[in-house]
Amino acid sequence: CAWAVASTGSVVLYHSGPQGLLPS
C-alpha cells in the first residue's frame, strides 16, 4: 500500500504498472 489511515482503518493504493490495481 502507499499509506494507511488509523482513524478510518483504511489503506490507500496507487495505480502502478500495466496491471494497475487488478490484484486488489
PDB file of all heavy atoms in Angstrom:
ATOM      1  N   CYS A   1       0.858  -1.187   0.000  1.00  0.00           N
ATOM      2  CA  CYS A   1       0.000   0.000   0.000  1.00  0.00           C
ATOM      3  C   CYS A   1       0.890   1.231   0.000  1.00  0.00           C
ATOM      4  O   CYS A   1       2.082   1.144   0.291  1.00  0.00           O
ATOM      5  CB  CYS A   1      -0.949   0.002   1.194  1.00  0.00           C
ATOM      6  SG  CYS A   1      -0.181   0.300   2.790  1.00  0.00           S
ATOM      7  N   ALA A   2       0.318   2.367  -0.336  1.00  0.00           N
ATOM      8  CA  ALA A   2       1.055   3.623  -0.300  1.00  0.00           C
ATOM      9  C   ALA A   2       1.078   4.162   1.121  1.00  0.00           C
ATOM     10  O   ALA A   2       2.101   4.651   1.585  1.00  0.00           O
ATOM     11  CB  ALA A   2       0.418   4.633  -1.246  1.00  0.00           C
ATOM     12  N   TRP A   3      -0.080   4.092   1.802  1.00  0.00           N
ATOM     13  CA  TRP A   3      -0.202   4.505   3.190  1.00  0.00           C
ATOM     14  C   TRP A   3      -1.493   3.952   3.757  1.00  0.00           C
ATOM     15  O   TRP A   3      -2.342   3.452   3.023  1.00  0.00           O
ATOM     16  CB  TRP A   3      -0.107   6.017   3.374  1.00  0.00           C
ATOM     17  CG  TRP A   3      -0.759   6.885   2.330  1.00  0.00           C
ATOM     18  CD1 TRP A   3      -0.237   7.207   1.102  1.00  0.00           C
ATOM     19  CD2 TRP A   3      -2.025   7.548   2.401  1.00  0.00           C
ATOM     20  NE1 TRP A   3      -1.103   8.025   0.419  1.00  0.00           N
ATOM     21  CE2 TRP A   3      -2.210   8.256   1.198  1.00  0.00           C
ATOM     22  CE3 TRP A   3      -3.017   7.641   3.357  1.00  0.00           C
ATOM     23  CZ2 TRP A   3      -3.339   9.023   0.922  1.00  0.00           C
ATOM     24  CZ3 TRP A   3      -4.146   8.404   3.089  1.00  0.00           C
ATOM     25  CH2 TRP A   3      -4.293   9.083   1.889  1.00  0.00           C
ATOM     26  N   ALA A   4      -1.614   4.011   5.078  1.00  0.00           N
ATOM     27  CA  ALA A   4      -2.799   3.522   5.784  1.00  0.00           C
ATOM     28  C   ALA A   4      -3.238   4.590   6.777  1.00  0.00           C
ATOM     29  O   ALA A   4      -2.417   5.374   7.251  1.00  0.00           O
ATOM     30  CB  ALA A   4      -2.489   2.218   6.512  1.00  0.00           C
ATOM     31  N   VAL A   5      -4.531   4.614   7.079  1.00  0.00           N
ATOM     32  CA  VAL A   5      -5.092   5.644   7.950  1.00  0.00           C
ATOM     33  C   VAL A   5      -5.651   4.998   9.214  1.00  0.00           C
ATOM     34  O   VAL A   5      -6.570   4.185   9.155  1.00  0.00           O
ATOM     35  CB  VAL A   5      -6.213   6.431   7.240  1.00  0.00           C
ATOM     36  CG1 VAL A   5      -6.732   7.553   8.132  1.00  0.00           C
ATOM     37  CG2 VAL A   5      -5.729   6.972   5.901  1.00  0.00           C
ATOM     38  N   ALA A   6      -5.089   5.379  10.354  1.00  0.00           N
ATOM     39  CA  ALA A   6      -5.515   4.803  11.631  1.00  0.00           C
ATOM     40  C   ALA A   6      -6.954   5.174  11.972  1.00  0.00           C
ATOM     41  O   ALA A   6      -7.737   4.321  12.396  1.00  0.00           O
ATOM     42  CB  ALA A   6      -4.569   5.267  12.751  1.00  0.00           C
ATOM     43  N   SER A   7      -7.336   6.434  11.786  1.00  0.00           N
ATOM     44  CA  SER A   7      -8.659   6.897  12.226  1.00  0.00           C
ATOM     45  C   SER A   7      -9.811   6.274  11.457  1.00  0.00           C
ATOM     46  O   SER A   7     -10.930   6.221  11.959  1.00  0.00           O
ATOM     47  CB  SER A   7      -8.748   8.423  12.140  1.00  0.00           C
ATOM     48  OG  SER A   7      -8.642   8.846  10.798  1.00  0.00           O
ATOM     49  N   THR A   8      -9.540   5.788  10.234  1.00  0.00           N
ATOM     50  CA  THR A   8     -10.613   5.184   9.424  1.00  0.00           C
ATOM     51  C   THR A   8     -10.409   3.693   9.187  1.00  0.00           C
ATOM     52  O   THR A   8     -11.302   3.041   8.646  1.00  0.00           O
ATOM     53  CB  THR A   8     -10.719   5.882   8.052  1.00  0.00           C
ATOM     54  OG1 THR A   8      -9.487   5.706   7.341  1.00  0.00           O
ATOM     55  CG2 THR A   8     -11.049   7.350   8.200  1.00  0.00           C
ATOM     56  N   GLY A   9      -9.242   3.154   9.537  1.00  0.00           N
ATOM     57  CA  GLY A   9      -8.965   1.749   9.267  1.00  0.00           C
ATOM     58  C   GLY A   9      -8.911   1.463   7.777  1.00  0.00           C
ATOM     59  O   GLY A   9      -9.378   0.434   7.312  1.00  0.00           O
ATOM     60  N   SER A  10      -8.323   2.387   7.023  1.00  0.00           N
ATOM     61  CA  SER A  10      -8.277   2.275   5.564  1.00  0.00           C
ATOM     62  C   SER A  10      -6.839   2.152   5.074  1.00  0.00           C
ATOM     63  O   SER A  10      -5.910   2.604   5.738  1.00  0.00           O
ATOM     64  CB  SER A  10      -8.889   3.530   4.917  1.00  0.00           C
ATOM     65  OG  SER A  10     -10.185   3.762   5.381  1.00  0.00           O
ATOM     66  N   VAL A  11      -6.693   1.566   3.885  1.00  0.00           N
ATOM     67  CA  VAL A  11      -5.404   1.555   3.205  1.00  0.00           C
ATOM     68  C   VAL A  11      -5.582   2.230   1.851  1.00  0.00           C
ATOM     69  O   VAL A  11      -6.670   2.199   1.267  1.00  0.00           O
ATOM     70  CB  VAL A  11      -4.824   0.130   3.030  1.00  0.00           C
ATOM     71  CG1 VAL A  11      -4.474  -0.480   4.364  1.00  0.00           C
ATOM     72  CG2 VAL A  11      -5.752  -0.767   2.250  1.00  0.00           C
ATOM     73  N   VAL A  12      -4.508   2.842   1.361  1.00  0.00           N
ATOM     74  CA  VAL A  12      -4.550   3.542   0.081  1.00  0.00           C
ATOM     75  C   VAL A  12      -3.517   2.910  -0.842  1.00  0.00           C
ATOM     76  O   VAL A  12      -2.364   2.724  -0.461  1.00  0.00           O
ATOM     77  CB  VAL A  12      -4.271   5.048   0.265  1.00  0.00           C
ATOM     78  CG1 VAL A  12      -4.215   5.764  -1.080  1.00  0.00           C
ATOM     79  CG2 VAL A  12      -5.322   5.671   1.175  1.00  0.00           C
ATOM     80  N   LEU A  13      -3.963   2.575  -2.044  1.00  0.00           N
ATOM     81  CA  LEU A  13      -3.089   2.025  -3.069  1.00  0.00           C
ATOM     82  C   LEU A  13      -3.045   2.993  -4.234  1.00  0.00           C
ATOM     83  O   LEU A  13      -4.045   3.655  -4.541  1.00  0.00           O
ATOM     84  CB  LEU A  13      -3.630   0.683  -3.575  1.00  0.00           C
ATOM     85  CG  LEU A  13      -3.412  -0.556  -2.720  1.00  0.00           C
ATOM     86  CD1 LEU A  13      -4.179  -0.498  -1.434  1.00  0.00           C
ATOM     87  CD2 LEU A  13      -3.812  -1.787  -3.497  1.00  0.00           C
ATOM     88  N   TYR A  14      -1.887   3.086  -4.898  1.00  0.00           N
ATOM     89  CA  TYR A  14      -1.747   3.880  -6.114  1.00  0.00           C
ATOM     90  C   TYR A  14      -1.691   2.932  -7.293  1.00  0.00           C
ATOM     91  O   TYR A  14      -1.209   1.802  -7.177  1.00  0.00           O
ATOM     92  CB  TYR A  14      -0.456   4.701  -6.104  1.00  0.00           C
ATOM     93  CG  TYR A  14      -0.329   5.726  -5.004  1.00  0.00           C
ATOM     94  CD1 TYR A  14       0.919   6.090  -4.532  1.00  0.00           C
ATOM     95  CD2 TYR A  14      -1.439   6.360  -4.447  1.00  0.00           C
ATOM     96  CE1 TYR A  14       1.069   7.050  -3.543  1.00  0.00           C
ATOM     97  CE2 TYR A  14      -1.311   7.315  -3.454  1.00  0.00           C
ATOM     98  CZ  TYR A  14      -0.058   7.645  -3.002  1.00  0.00           C
ATOM     99  OH  TYR A  14       0.084   8.594  -2.017  1.00  0.00           O
ATOM    100  N   HIS A  15      -2.126   3.415  -8.426  1.00  0.00           N
ATOM    101  CA  HIS A  15      -2.003   2.659  -9.668  1.00  0.00           C
ATOM    102  C   HIS A  15      -0.525   2.469  -9.963  1.00  0.00           C
ATOM    103  O   HIS A  15       0.270   3.397  -9.830  1.00  0.00           O
ATOM    104  CB  HIS A  15      -2.654   3.438 -10.803  1.00  0.00           C
ATOM    105  CG  HIS A  15      -2.571   2.750 -12.124  1.00  0.00           C
ATOM    106  ND1 HIS A  15      -1.459   2.808 -12.916  1.00  0.00           N
ATOM    107  CD2 HIS A  15      -3.458   1.976 -12.766  1.00  0.00           C
ATOM    108  CE1 HIS A  15      -1.666   2.102 -14.020  1.00  0.00           C
ATOM    109  NE2 HIS A  15      -2.871   1.585 -13.944  1.00  0.00           N
ATOM    110  N   SER A  16      -0.132   1.251 -10.322  1.00  0.00           N
ATOM    111  CA  SER A  16       1.275   1.031 -10.647  1.00  0.00           C
ATOM    112  C   SER A  16       1.404   0.001 -11.756  1.00  0.00           C
ATOM    113  O   SER A  16       0.808  -1.058 -11.704  1.00  0.00           O
ATOM    114  CB  SER A  16       2.052   0.554  -9.409  1.00  0.00           C
ATOM    115  OG  SER A  16       1.517  -0.650  -8.940  1.00  0.00           O
ATOM    116  N   GLY A  17       2.158   0.348 -12.760  1.00  0.00           N
ATOM    117  CA  GLY A  17       2.461  -0.581 -13.832  1.00  0.00           C
ATOM    118  C   GLY A  17       1.269  -0.909 -14.713  1.00  0.00           C
ATOM    119  O   GLY A  17       0.161  -0.411 -14.525  1.00  0.00           O
ATOM    120  N   PRO A  18       1.487  -1.777 -15.685  1.00  0.00           N
ATOM    121  CA  PRO A  18       0.439  -2.099 -16.647  1.00  0.00           C
ATOM    122  C   PRO A  18      -0.735  -2.877 -16.033  1.00  0.00           C
ATOM    123  O   PRO A  18      -1.831  -2.855 -16.566  1.00  0.00           O
ATOM    124  CB  PRO A  18       1.156  -2.937 -17.711  1.00  0.00           C
ATOM    125  CG  PRO A  18       2.366  -3.470 -17.029  1.00  0.00           C
ATOM    126  CD  PRO A  18       2.738  -2.453 -15.980  1.00  0.00           C
ATOM    127  N   GLN A  19      -0.529  -3.566 -14.917  1.00  0.00           N
ATOM    128  CA  GLN A  19      -1.600  -4.341 -14.302  1.00  0.00           C
ATOM    129  C   GLN A  19      -2.490  -3.471 -13.418  1.00  0.00           C
ATOM    130  O   GLN A  19      -3.550  -3.893 -12.992  1.00  0.00           O
ATOM    131  CB  GLN A  19      -1.040  -5.504 -13.473  1.00  0.00           C
ATOM    132  CG  GLN A  19      -0.422  -6.592 -14.313  1.00  0.00           C
ATOM    133  CD  GLN A  19       0.976  -6.232 -14.774  1.00  0.00           C
ATOM    134  OE1 GLN A  19       1.700  -5.519 -14.116  1.00  0.00           O
ATOM    135  NE2 GLN A  19       1.344  -6.715 -15.946  1.00  0.00           N
ATOM    136  N   GLY A  20      -2.042  -2.280 -13.081  1.00  0.00           N
ATOM    137  CA  GLY A  20      -2.844  -1.383 -12.265  1.00  0.00           C
ATOM    138  C   GLY A  20      -3.168  -1.962 -10.907  1.00  0.00           C
ATOM    139  O   GLY A  20      -2.299  -2.455 -10.208  1.00  0.00           O
ATOM    140  N   LEU A  21      -4.419  -1.898 -10.542  1.00  0.00           N
ATOM    141  CA  LEU A  21      -4.879  -2.331  -9.225  1.00  0.00           C
ATOM    142  C   LEU A  21      -5.552  -3.698  -9.265  1.00  0.00           C
ATOM    143  O   LEU A  21      -6.249  -4.075  -8.325  1.00  0.00           O
ATOM    144  CB  LEU A  21      -5.826  -1.271  -8.655  1.00  0.00           C
ATOM    145  CG  LEU A  21      -5.200   0.115  -8.467  1.00  0.00           C
ATOM    146  CD1 LEU A  21      -6.264   1.158  -8.193  1.00  0.00           C
ATOM    147  CD2 LEU A  21      -4.178   0.086  -7.358  1.00  0.00           C
ATOM    148  N   LEU A  22      -5.362  -4.453 -10.333  1.00  0.00           N
ATOM    149  CA  LEU A  22      -6.057  -5.735 -10.514  1.00  0.00           C
ATOM    150  C   LEU A  22      -5.951  -6.696  -9.335  1.00  0.00           C
ATOM    151  O   LEU A  22      -6.960  -7.285  -8.943  1.00  0.00           O
ATOM    152  CB  LEU A  22      -5.583  -6.436 -11.792  1.00  0.00           C
ATOM    153  CG  LEU A  22      -5.958  -5.766 -13.106  1.00  0.00           C
ATOM    154  CD1 LEU A  22      -5.384  -6.556 -14.277  1.00  0.00           C
ATOM    155  CD2 LEU A  22      -7.445  -5.615 -13.236  1.00  0.00           C
ATOM    156  N   PRO A  23      -4.767  -6.890  -8.727  1.00  0.00           N
ATOM    157  CA  PRO A  23      -4.698  -7.851  -7.618  1.00  0.00           C
ATOM    158  C   PRO A  23      -5.512  -7.452  -6.393  1.00  0.00           C
ATOM    159  O   PRO A  23      -5.813  -8.280  -5.546  1.00  0.00           O
ATOM    160  CB  PRO A  23      -3.211  -7.909  -7.272  1.00  0.00           C
ATOM    161  CG  PRO A  23      -2.515  -7.425  -8.489  1.00  0.00           C
ATOM    162  CD  PRO A  23      -3.441  -6.412  -9.097  1.00  0.00           C
ATOM    163  N   SER A  24      -5.889  -6.179  -6.304  1.00  0.00           N
ATOM    164  CA  SER A  24      -6.688  -5.733  -5.162  1.00  0.00           C
ATOM    165  C   SER A  24      -8.176  -5.668  -5.487  1.00  0.00           C
ATOM    166  O   SER A  24      -8.989  -5.432  -4.593  1.00  0.00           O
ATOM    167  CB  SER A  24      -6.221  -4.350  -4.693  1.00  0.00           C
ATOM    168  OG  SER A  24      -6.531  -3.364  -5.660  1.00  0.00           O
TER     169      SER A  24
END
